[in-house]
C-alpha atoms as a PDB file:
ATOM      1  CA  LEU A   1      -2.000 -67.807 -23.210  1.00  0.00           C
ATOM      2  CA  LYS A   2      -1.914 -65.190 -25.967  1.00  0.00           C
ATOM      3  CA  CYS A   3       1.313 -66.716 -27.310  1.00  0.00           C
ATOM      4  CA  ALA A   4      -0.251 -70.185 -27.387  1.00  0.00           C
ATOM      5  CA  ILE A   5      -3.293 -68.905 -29.273  1.00  0.00           C
ATOM      6  CA  TYR A   6      -1.082 -66.965 -31.679  1.00  0.00           C
ATOM      7  CA  MET A   7       1.126 -69.998 -32.317  1.00  0.00           C
ATOM      8  CA  GLY A   8      -1.937 -72.170 -32.913  1.00  0.00           C
ATOM      9  CA  LEU A   9      -3.238 -69.724 -35.498  1.00  0.00           C
ATOM     10  CA  ASN A  10       0.198 -69.404 -37.050  1.00  0.00           C
ATOM     11  CA  GLN A  11       0.522 -73.181 -37.340  1.00  0.00           C
ATOM     12  CA  LYS A  12      -2.955 -73.475 -38.857  1.00  0.00           C
ATOM     13  CA  PHE A  13      -2.063 -70.758 -41.372  1.00  0.00           C
ATOM     14  CA  ALA A  14       1.149 -72.597 -42.273  1.00  0.00           C
ATOM     15  CA  TYR A  15      -0.740 -75.850 -42.849  1.00  0.00           C
ATOM     16  CA  GLU A  16      -3.296 -74.051 -45.010  1.00  0.00           C
ATOM     17  CA  LYS A  17      -0.478 -72.528 -47.071  1.00  0.00           C
ATOM     18  CA  VAL A  18       1.067 -75.986 -47.562  1.00  0.00           C
ATOM     19  CA  GLY A  19      -2.291 -77.269 -48.819  1.00  0.00           C
ATOM     20  CA  ASN A  20      -2.572 -74.327 -51.198  1.00  0.00           C
ATOM     21  CA  VAL A  21       0.917 -74.990 -52.561  1.00  0.00           C
ATOM     22  CA  TRP A  22       0.000 -78.558 -53.478  1.00  0.00           C
ATOM     23  CA  GLN A  23      -3.357 -77.528 -54.953  1.00  0.00           C
ATOM     24  CA  ASN A  24      -1.967 -74.654 -57.012  1.00  0.00           C
ATOM     25  CA  ARG A  25       1.267 -76.363 -57.991  1.00  0.00           C
ATOM     26  CA  GLY A  26       0.152 -76.912 -61.564  1.00  0.00           C
ATOM     27  CA  LYS A  27      -1.319 -73.412 -61.865  1.00  0.00           C
ATOM     28  CA  THR A  28       1.562 -71.314 -60.542  1.00  0.00           C
ATOM     29  CA  GLU A  29       4.943 -71.110 -62.205  1.00  0.00           C
ATOM     30  CA  LYS A  30       6.901 -70.424 -59.011  1.00  0.00           C
ATOM     31  CA  PRO A  31       5.733 -72.734 -56.187  1.00  0.00           C
ATOM     32  CA  TRP A  32       9.122 -72.302 -54.481  1.00  0.00           C
ATOM     33  CA  LYS A  33       8.088 -68.837 -53.284  1.00  0.00           C
ATOM     34  CA  GLU A  34       5.188 -70.330 -51.335  1.00  0.00           C
ATOM     35  CA  SER A  35       7.249 -73.227 -49.970  1.00  0.00           C
ATOM     36  CA  ALA A  36      10.005 -70.833 -48.859  1.00  0.00           C
ATOM     37  CA  PHE A  37       7.394 -68.814 -46.975  1.00  0.00           C
ATOM     38  CA  VAL A  38       6.045 -71.967 -45.311  1.00  0.00           C
ATOM     39  CA  ALA A  39       9.570 -73.049 -44.342  1.00  0.00           C
ATOM     40  CA  THR A  40      10.308 -69.682 -42.713  1.00  0.00           C
ATOM     41  CA  THR A  41       6.968 -69.708 -40.893  1.00  0.00           C
ATOM     42  CA  ALA A  42       7.567 -73.239 -39.602  1.00  0.00           C
ATOM     43  CA  THR A  43      11.102 -72.332 -38.494  1.00  0.00           C
ATOM     44  CA  LEU A  44       9.822 -69.274 -36.671  1.00  0.00           C
ATOM     45  CA  HIS A  45       7.125 -71.371 -35.002  1.00  0.00           C
ATOM     46  CA  LEU A  46       9.685 -73.920 -33.779  1.00  0.00           C
ATOM     47  CA  LEU A  47      11.961 -71.162 -32.504  1.00  0.00           C
ATOM     48  CA  MET A  48       9.090 -69.600 -30.543  1.00  0.00           C
ATOM     49  CA  ARG A  49       8.137 -72.958 -29.000  1.00  0.00           C
ATOM     50  CA  LEU A  50      11.739 -73.669 -28.032  1.00  0.00           C
ATOM     51  CA  THR A  51      12.053 -70.238 -26.429  1.00  0.00           C
ATOM     52  CA  LEU A  52       8.885 -70.809 -24.392  1.00  0.00           C
ATOM     53  CA  LEU A  53      10.041 -74.259 -23.282  1.00  0.00           C
ATOM     54  CA  LEU A  54      13.426 -72.991 -22.133  1.00  0.00           C
ATOM     55  CA  SER A  55      12.077 -69.973 -20.287  1.00  0.00           C
END
């Protein structure tokens, strides 16, 4: 249950970061740093879900 809650929060955080990237795209000079962080977070989230499904 703790993992499910953590993953839900992690996913929500990732979606919020994606929204911030699009909002701040014109303001920041390096949006790729944010998108790289979102990509790693999403990959980690998928890996955790896959591990839970297989166990």
